[in-house]
Amino acid sequence: MKKLLIGALYGYSRIAHRINEYVGRGVSWLTSILVIVFCIDVVVRYVFKSSSVAFYEAEWHIFAVIFLIGAGYSLRHDRHVRVDIFYARFSAKTKAWVNFWGVLFFLIPFALLVIKSSVPYVALSYRINEGSADAGGLPYRYLIKSAMTVGFVLLLLQGIALMVDSLLMILGIQQPTENK
């Protein structure tokens, strides 16, 4: 029974890592698209002395998708924002304890709160076929709002995987580098 539970935890962790790896790599291509959109916007604005609400909205929509959908990928690769004053000096096992409790008491509750709060917000946007309130803005605003829910679901999946990896490390079953 113990081996089955450990196998299930390890399997979950691997699946969550794989999902966020593929999604993160896919979303990373949006940075190139964002640069292209910025360049076009700058040329249109300064060379042709014109401006477009659609370009401006596309810029922040793409950035929001990169940030929200890429959060799980950032957590997977330990590239998220953290104050490392003490953490960097901790042993691998102490880091595992900090990660375990941090995910359990902070990441999971916050992610669940955002997911629970965003679902009705996104559903309403879909129901009314929400678009930009600005003339010349982008349609389908509900798609960008959906990124909030999807991003926090991916972050939650990765957070639970981090918690599982930390637990397996605390128990001496997994080494610190096995989850990469």
C-alpha atoms as a PDB file:
ATOM      1  CA  MET A   1       0.000   0.000   0.000  1.00  0.00           C
ATOM      2  CA  LYS A   2       2.866   2.371   0.868  1.00  0.00           C
ATOM      3  CA  LYS A   3       4.561   1.722  -2.496  1.00  0.00           C
ATOM      4  CA  LEU A   4       1.275   2.313  -4.302  1.00  0.00           C
ATOM      5  CA  LEU A   5       0.763   5.664  -2.548  1.00  0.00           C
ATOM      6  CA  ILE A   6       4.339   6.772  -3.204  1.00  0.00           C
ATOM      7  CA  GLY A   7       4.007   5.671  -6.837  1.00  0.00           C
ATOM      8  CA  ALA A   8       0.777   7.644  -7.194  1.00  0.00           C
ATOM      9  CA  LEU A   9       2.357  10.766  -5.670  1.00  0.00           C
ATOM     10  CA  TYR A  10       5.411  10.453  -7.874  1.00  0.00           C
ATOM     11  CA  GLY A  11       3.205   9.847 -10.931  1.00  0.00           C
ATOM     12  CA  TYR A  12       1.094  12.934 -10.183  1.00  0.00           C
ATOM     13  CA  SER A  13       4.230  15.010  -9.795  1.00  0.00           C
ATOM     14  CA  ARG A  14       5.627  13.836 -13.130  1.00  0.00           C
ATOM     15  CA  ILE A  15       2.342  14.521 -14.947  1.00  0.00           C
ATOM     16  CA  ALA A  16       2.025  18.019 -13.448  1.00  0.00           C
ATOM     17  CA  HIS A  17       5.650  18.784 -14.341  1.00  0.00           C
ATOM     18  CA  ARG A  18       5.088  17.557 -17.897  1.00  0.00           C
ATOM     19  CA  ILE A  19       1.894  19.584 -18.364  1.00  0.00           C
ATOM     20  CA  ASN A  20       3.500  22.801 -17.137  1.00  0.00           C
ATOM     21  CA  GLU A  21       6.636  22.125 -19.155  1.00  0.00           C
ATOM     22  CA  TYR A  22       4.694  21.802 -22.419  1.00  0.00           C
ATOM     23  CA  VAL A  23       2.387  24.708 -21.662  1.00  0.00           C
ATOM     24  CA  GLY A  24       5.284  26.914 -20.544  1.00  0.00           C
ATOM     25  CA  ARG A  25       7.342  26.176 -23.622  1.00  0.00           C
ATOM     26  CA  GLY A  26       4.325  26.895 -25.807  1.00  0.00           C
ATOM     27  CA  VAL A  27       3.540  30.156 -24.048  1.00  0.00           C
ATOM     28  CA  SER A  28       7.174  31.239 -24.250  1.00  0.00           C
ATOM     29  CA  TRP A  29       6.703  31.677 -28.001  1.00  0.00           C
ATOM     30  CA  LEU A  30       4.253  34.454 -27.232  1.00  0.00           C
ATOM     31  CA  THR A  31       7.182  36.618 -26.128  1.00  0.00           C
ATOM     32  CA  SER A  32       8.371  36.722 -29.734  1.00  0.00           C
ATOM     33  CA  ILE A  33       4.884  37.625 -30.895  1.00  0.00           C
ATOM     34  CA  LEU A  34       4.738  40.332 -28.226  1.00  0.00           C
ATOM     35  CA  VAL A  35       8.005  41.850 -29.477  1.00  0.00           C
ATOM     36  CA  ILE A  36       6.662  41.874 -33.042  1.00  0.00           C
ATOM     37  CA  VAL A  37       3.417  43.544 -31.928  1.00  0.00           C
ATOM     38  CA  PHE A  38       5.405  46.161 -29.961  1.00  0.00           C
ATOM     39  CA  CYS A  39       7.605  46.862 -32.991  1.00  0.00           C
ATOM     40  CA  ILE A  40       4.624  47.247 -35.294  1.00  0.00           C
ATOM     41  CA  ASP A  41       2.934  49.527 -32.754  1.00  0.00           C
ATOM     42  CA  VAL A  42       6.046  51.717 -32.490  1.00  0.00           C
ATOM     43  CA  VAL A  43       6.417  51.966 -36.280  1.00  0.00           C
ATOM     44  CA  VAL A  44       2.729  52.785 -36.749  1.00  0.00           C
ATOM     45  CA  ARG A  45       2.818  55.334 -33.937  1.00  0.00           C
ATOM     46  CA  TYR A  46       6.048  57.164 -34.762  1.00  0.00           C
ATOM     47  CA  VAL A  47       6.479  56.691 -38.501  1.00  0.00           C
ATOM     48  CA  PHE A  48       2.858  56.905 -39.603  1.00  0.00           C
ATOM     49  CA  LYS A  49       1.716  59.146 -36.723  1.00  0.00           C
ATOM     50  CA  SER A  50      -1.217  56.852 -36.074  1.00  0.00           C
ATOM     51  CA  SER A  51      -2.396  54.897 -33.102  1.00  0.00           C
ATOM     52  CA  SER A  52      -4.540  51.851 -32.553  1.00  0.00           C
ATOM     53  CA  VAL A  53      -6.419  50.717 -29.484  1.00  0.00           C
ATOM     54  CA  ALA A  54      -6.256  47.176 -30.863  1.00  0.00           C
ATOM     55  CA  PHE A  55      -2.432  47.200 -30.810  1.00  0.00           C
ATOM     56  CA  TYR A  56      -2.379  48.530 -27.269  1.00  0.00           C
ATOM     57  CA  GLU A  57      -4.890  45.920 -26.093  1.00  0.00           C
ATOM     58  CA  ALA A  58      -3.078  43.128 -27.968  1.00  0.00           C
ATOM     59  CA  GLU A  59       0.109  44.055 -26.133  1.00  0.00           C
ATOM     60  CA  TRP A  60      -1.394  43.755 -22.674  1.00  0.00           C
ATOM     61  CA  HIS A  61      -3.474  40.690 -23.611  1.00  0.00           C
ATOM     62  CA  ILE A  62      -0.379  38.822 -24.806  1.00  0.00           C
ATOM     63  CA  PHE A  63       1.592  39.928 -21.744  1.00  0.00           C
ATOM     64  CA  ALA A  64      -1.237  38.770 -19.454  1.00  0.00           C
ATOM     65  CA  VAL A  65      -1.324  35.345 -21.113  1.00  0.00           C
ATOM     66  CA  ILE A  66       2.459  34.992 -20.789  1.00  0.00           C
ATOM     67  CA  PHE A  67       2.365  35.993 -17.135  1.00  0.00           C
ATOM     68  CA  LEU A  68      -0.718  34.008 -16.099  1.00  0.00           C
ATOM     69  CA  ILE A  69      -0.294  30.829 -18.118  1.00  0.00           C
ATOM     70  CA  GLY A  70       3.468  30.805 -17.558  1.00  0.00           C
ATOM     71  CA  ALA A  71       3.265  31.013 -13.743  1.00  0.00           C
ATOM     72  CA  GLY A  72       3.184  27.237 -13.295  1.00  0.00           C
ATOM     73  CA  TYR A  73       6.198  26.888 -15.586  1.00  0.00           C
ATOM     74  CA  SER A  74       8.062  29.511 -13.554  1.00  0.00           C
ATOM     75  CA  LEU A  75       7.289  27.646 -10.345  1.00  0.00           C
ATOM     76  CA  ARG A  76       8.326  24.353 -11.921  1.00  0.00           C
ATOM     77  CA  HIS A  77      11.762  25.767 -12.725  1.00  0.00           C
ATOM     78  CA  ASP A  78      12.059  27.717  -9.449  1.00  0.00           C
ATOM     79  CA  ARG A  79      12.166  31.021 -11.343  1.00  0.00           C
ATOM     80  CA  HIS A  80       9.387  32.734  -9.451  1.00  0.00           C
ATOM     81  CA  VAL A  81       9.867  35.820  -7.288  1.00  0.00           C
ATOM     82  CA  ARG A  82      11.176  34.967  -3.849  1.00  0.00           C
ATOM     83  CA  VAL A  83      13.095  36.767  -1.118  1.00  0.00           C
ATOM     84  CA  ASP A  84      16.155  34.517  -0.804  1.00  0.00           C
ATOM     85  CA  ILE A  85      17.804  36.144   2.215  1.00  0.00           C
ATOM     86  CA  PHE A  86      17.470  32.991   4.304  1.00  0.00           C
ATOM     87  CA  TYR A  87      16.170  30.392   1.859  1.00  0.00           C
ATOM     88  CA  ALA A  88      19.335  30.334  -0.261  1.00  0.00           C
ATOM     89  CA  ARG A  89      21.365  29.251   2.773  1.00  0.00           C
ATOM     90  CA  PHE A  90      18.997  26.458   3.836  1.00  0.00           C
ATOM     91  CA  SER A  91      19.849  22.796   3.341  1.00  0.00           C
ATOM     92  CA  ALA A  92      17.893  20.896   0.698  1.00  0.00           C
ATOM     93  CA  LYS A  93      15.737  19.274   3.380  1.00  0.00           C
ATOM     94  CA  THR A  94      14.959  22.608   5.074  1.00  0.00           C
ATOM     95  CA  LYS A  95      14.059  24.081   1.683  1.00  0.00           C
ATOM     96  CA  ALA A  96      11.730  21.111   1.168  1.00  0.00           C
ATOM     97  CA  TRP A  97      10.013  21.873   4.480  1.00  0.00           C
ATOM     98  CA  VAL A  98       9.648  25.562   3.584  1.00  0.00           C
ATOM     99  CA  ASN A  99       8.236  24.656   0.153  1.00  0.00           C
ATOM    100  CA  PHE A 100       5.855  22.073   1.633  1.00  0.00           C
ATOM    101  CA  TRP A 101       4.363  24.421   4.218  1.00  0.00           C
ATOM    102  CA  GLY A 102       4.435  27.431   1.881  1.00  0.00           C
ATOM    103  CA  VAL A 103       2.439  25.583  -0.757  1.00  0.00           C
ATOM    104  CA  LEU A 104       0.032  24.130   1.791  1.00  0.00           C
ATOM    105  CA  PHE A 105      -0.714  27.355   3.664  1.00  0.00           C
ATOM    106  CA  PHE A 106      -0.219  30.042   1.027  1.00  0.00           C
ATOM    107  CA  LEU A 107      -0.191  28.861  -2.591  1.00  0.00           C
ATOM    108  CA  ILE A 108      -3.063  26.358  -2.461  1.00  0.00           C
ATOM    109  CA  PRO A 109      -5.510  28.606  -0.552  1.00  0.00           C
ATOM    110  CA  PHE A 110      -4.684  31.633  -2.704  1.00  0.00           C
ATOM    111  CA  ALA A 111      -4.929  29.693  -5.981  1.00  0.00           C
ATOM    112  CA  LEU A 112      -8.247  28.147  -4.922  1.00  0.00           C
ATOM    113  CA  LEU A 113      -9.568  31.590  -3.951  1.00  0.00           C
ATOM    114  CA  VAL A 114      -8.617  33.076  -7.319  1.00  0.00           C
ATOM    115  CA  ILE A 115     -10.042  30.111  -9.240  1.00  0.00           C
ATOM    116  CA  LYS A 116     -13.304  30.211  -7.260  1.00  0.00           C
ATOM    117  CA  SER A 117     -13.604  33.976  -7.717  1.00  0.00           C
ATOM    118  CA  SER A 118     -12.659  34.014 -11.395  1.00  0.00           C
ATOM    119  CA  VAL A 119     -15.040  31.327 -12.645  1.00  0.00           C
ATOM    120  CA  PRO A 120     -18.239  33.435 -12.292  1.00  0.00           C
ATOM    121  CA  TYR A 121     -16.369  36.473 -13.631  1.00  0.00           C
ATOM    122  CA  VAL A 122     -15.271  34.561 -16.739  1.00  0.00           C
ATOM    123  CA  ALA A 123     -18.657  32.839 -17.134  1.00  0.00           C
ATOM    124  CA  LEU A 124     -20.449  36.198 -17.173  1.00  0.00           C
ATOM    125  CA  SER A 125     -17.994  37.482 -19.754  1.00  0.00           C
ATOM    126  CA  TYR A 126     -18.730  34.455 -21.977  1.00  0.00           C
ATOM    127  CA  ARG A 127     -22.506  34.836 -21.520  1.00  0.00           C
ATOM    128  CA  ILE A 128     -22.533  38.454 -22.640  1.00  0.00           C
ATOM    129  CA  ASN A 129     -19.919  37.859 -25.370  1.00  0.00           C
ATOM    130  CA  GLU A 130     -17.822  40.619 -23.827  1.00  0.00           C
ATOM    131  CA  GLY A 131     -15.499  42.615 -26.011  1.00  0.00           C
ATOM    132  CA  SER A 132     -13.479  45.751 -25.520  1.00  0.00           C
ATOM    133  CA  ALA A 133     -15.293  48.771 -24.169  1.00  0.00           C
ATOM    134  CA  ASP A 134     -13.094  50.998 -26.350  1.00  0.00           C
ATOM    135  CA  ALA A 135     -13.925  51.782 -29.952  1.00  0.00           C
ATOM    136  CA  GLY A 136     -11.497  49.888 -32.174  1.00  0.00           C
ATOM    137  CA  GLY A 137     -10.598  47.518 -29.357  1.00  0.00           C
ATOM    138  CA  LEU A 138     -10.353  43.751 -29.523  1.00  0.00           C
ATOM    139  CA  PRO A 139     -13.390  41.488 -29.371  1.00  0.00           C
ATOM    140  CA  TYR A 140     -13.626  38.294 -27.304  1.00  0.00           C
ATOM    141  CA  ARG A 141     -12.508  39.787 -23.977  1.00  0.00           C
ATOM    142  CA  TYR A 142     -13.679  36.587 -22.300  1.00  0.00           C
ATOM    143  CA  LEU A 143     -10.740  34.711 -23.819  1.00  0.00           C
ATOM    144  CA  ILE A 144      -8.214  36.861 -21.983  1.00  0.00           C
ATOM    145  CA  LYS A 145     -10.240  36.609 -18.789  1.00  0.00           C
ATOM    146  CA  SER A 146     -10.169  32.822 -19.121  1.00  0.00           C
ATOM    147  CA  ALA A 147      -6.374  32.959 -18.920  1.00  0.00           C
ATOM    148  CA  MET A 148      -6.747  33.958 -15.283  1.00  0.00           C
ATOM    149  CA  THR A 149      -8.598  30.773 -14.364  1.00  0.00           C
ATOM    150  CA  VAL A 150      -6.447  28.524 -16.549  1.00  0.00           C
ATOM    151  CA  GLY A 151      -3.243  30.085 -15.243  1.00  0.00           C
ATOM    152  CA  PHE A 152      -4.182  29.570 -11.611  1.00  0.00           C
ATOM    153  CA  VAL A 153      -5.286  25.991 -12.289  1.00  0.00           C
ATOM    154  CA  LEU A 154      -1.854  25.309 -13.806  1.00  0.00           C
ATOM    155  CA  LEU A 155      -0.181  27.071 -10.883  1.00  0.00           C
ATOM    156  CA  LEU A 156      -2.222  24.982  -8.435  1.00  0.00           C
ATOM    157  CA  LEU A 157      -1.269  21.753 -10.236  1.00  0.00           C
ATOM    158  CA  GLN A 158       2.400  22.729 -10.127  1.00  0.00           C
ATOM    159  CA  GLY A 159       2.171  23.851  -6.509  1.00  0.00           C
ATOM    160  CA  ILE A 160       0.753  20.498  -5.475  1.00  0.00           C
ATOM    161  CA  ALA A 161       3.548  18.804  -7.446  1.00  0.00           C
ATOM    162  CA  LEU A 162       6.086  20.938  -5.570  1.00  0.00           C
ATOM    163  CA  MET A 163       4.463  19.926  -2.303  1.00  0.00           C
ATOM    164  CA  VAL A 164       4.588  16.245  -3.314  1.00  0.00           C
ATOM    165  CA  ASP A 165       8.240  16.541  -4.377  1.00  0.00           C
ATOM    166  CA  SER A 166       9.038  18.268  -1.090  1.00  0.00           C
ATOM    167  CA  LEU A 167       7.279  15.557   0.890  1.00  0.00           C
ATOM    168  CA  LEU A 168       9.119  12.816  -0.988  1.00  0.00           C
ATOM    169  CA  MET A 169      12.375  14.628  -0.298  1.00  0.00           C
ATOM    170  CA  ILE A 170      11.564  15.065   3.400  1.00  0.00           C
ATOM    171  CA  LEU A 171      10.842  11.348   3.608  1.00  0.00           C
ATOM    172  CA  GLY A 172      14.137  10.576   1.891  1.00  0.00           C
ATOM    173  CA  ILE A 173      12.458   8.954  -1.118  1.00  0.00           C
ATOM    174  CA  GLN A 174      13.457  11.542  -3.737  1.00  0.00           C
ATOM    175  CA  GLN A 175      16.604  13.596  -4.229  1.00  0.00           C
ATOM    176  CA  PRO A 176      16.372  17.375  -4.812  1.00  0.00           C
ATOM    177  CA  THR A 177      17.140  17.133  -8.549  1.00  0.00           C
ATOM    178  CA  GLU A 178      14.724  14.295  -9.383  1.00  0.00           C
ATOM    179  CA  ASN A 179      11.760  16.608  -9.972  1.00  0.00           C
ATOM    180  CA  LYS A 180      13.348  18.398 -12.927  1.00  0.00           C
END
